[in-house]
Amino acid sequence: MQMNPEYSLALYETAKIRYAKGEMMSARAYIERYFSAEGKTLAGLELAIKIETALQSYDLVEEYQLQLTRSFPFSAAAEKIKHNY
């Protein structure tokens, strides 16, 4: 069930703001809520990778990178991930 797109966007934008402020645990909470509302989008996965990298949660970084490369194989982000290995 998809929610109001404005609600999803607000969750994503709040996660971005929290990340920019260095509030990583809060950013994680918002990106997870965003995923629950909207699903795993390219932009959401890119942000989640940044958040989890900052939190040094490398298992989650790998999980999100795998999801990104599988779901968006032709994106610039997927190409960047592939070339970092």
Protein backbone atom coordinates (compact mmCIF):
# COMPACT_ATOMS: atom_id res chain seq x y z
CA MET A 1 0.00 0.00 0.00
CA GLN A 2 1.45 3.33 -1.03
CA MET A 3 0.96 6.32 1.18
CA ASN A 4 0.60 9.95 0.29
CA PRO A 5 3.59 10.84 -1.92
CA GLU A 6 4.06 14.08 -0.02
CA TYR A 7 4.45 12.08 3.21
CA SER A 8 7.08 9.87 1.61
CA LEU A 9 8.92 12.88 0.24
CA ALA A 10 8.86 14.52 3.68
CA LEU A 11 10.43 11.41 5.23
CA TYR A 12 13.15 11.35 2.57
CA GLU A 13 13.87 15.07 2.88
CA THR A 14 14.01 14.82 6.68
CA ALA A 15 16.48 11.94 6.39
CA LYS A 16 18.63 14.11 4.09
CA ILE A 17 18.53 17.01 6.54
CA ARG A 18 19.41 14.80 9.51
CA TYR A 19 22.30 13.30 7.52
CA ALA A 20 23.57 16.77 6.61
CA LYS A 21 23.44 17.77 10.29
CA GLY A 22 25.39 14.67 11.30
CA GLU A 23 22.41 13.15 13.13
CA MET A 24 22.95 9.67 11.72
CA MET A 25 20.71 7.61 14.01
CA SER A 26 17.82 9.99 13.31
CA ALA A 27 18.64 9.92 9.58
CA ARG A 28 18.55 6.11 9.69
CA ALA A 29 15.15 6.14 11.37
CA TYR A 30 13.72 8.47 8.73
CA ILE A 31 15.17 6.58 5.77
CA GLU A 32 13.78 3.31 7.16
CA ARG A 33 10.34 4.93 7.51
CA TYR A 34 10.71 6.23 3.97
CA PHE A 35 11.46 2.72 2.71
CA SER A 36 8.36 1.43 4.52
CA ALA A 37 6.22 4.12 2.90
CA GLU A 38 7.71 4.31 -0.59
CA GLY A 39 9.82 1.22 -1.13
CA LYS A 40 13.50 1.22 -1.95
CA THR A 41 14.10 3.94 -4.51
CA LEU A 42 17.43 4.78 -6.13
CA ALA A 43 17.73 8.07 -4.23
CA GLY A 44 16.71 6.40 -0.98
CA LEU A 45 19.27 3.64 -1.37
CA GLU A 46 22.00 6.14 -2.20
CA LEU A 47 21.19 8.10 0.95
CA ALA A 48 20.95 4.93 3.06
CA ILE A 49 24.43 3.89 1.88
CA LYS A 50 25.83 7.26 2.96
CA ILE A 51 24.07 7.06 6.34
CA GLU A 52 25.20 3.50 7.08
CA THR A 53 28.75 4.29 5.93
CA ALA A 54 28.84 7.17 8.41
CA LEU A 55 27.53 4.82 11.11
CA GLN A 56 30.16 2.23 10.09
CA SER A 57 27.40 -0.34 9.62
CA TYR A 58 29.18 -2.08 6.78
CA ASP A 59 26.84 -5.08 6.65
CA LEU A 60 23.98 -2.70 5.90
CA VAL A 61 26.13 -0.76 3.42
CA GLU A 62 26.76 -3.99 1.52
CA GLU A 63 23.10 -4.97 1.69
CA TYR A 64 21.96 -1.60 0.33
CA GLN A 65 24.66 -1.62 -2.37
CA LEU A 66 23.50 -5.07 -3.48
CA GLN A 67 19.88 -3.93 -3.58
CA LEU A 68 20.86 -0.83 -5.57
CA THR A 69 22.92 -2.73 -8.14
CA ARG A 70 20.18 -5.34 -8.57
CA SER A 71 17.28 -2.88 -8.78
CA PHE A 72 19.02 -0.11 -10.72
CA PRO A 73 21.82 -1.87 -12.64
CA PHE A 74 22.26 0.86 -15.26
CA SER A 75 22.35 3.80 -12.85
CA ALA A 76 25.45 5.91 -12.32
CA ALA A 77 25.37 4.85 -8.66
CA ALA A 78 25.47 1.16 -9.63
CA GLU A 79 28.38 1.79 -11.98
CA LYS A 80 30.26 3.58 -9.22
CA ILE A 81 29.66 0.67 -6.81
CA LYS A 82 30.84 -1.85 -9.41
CA HIS A 83 34.05 0.09 -10.05
CA ASN A 84 34.89 0.40 -6.35
CA TYR A 85 35.40 -3.37 -6.12
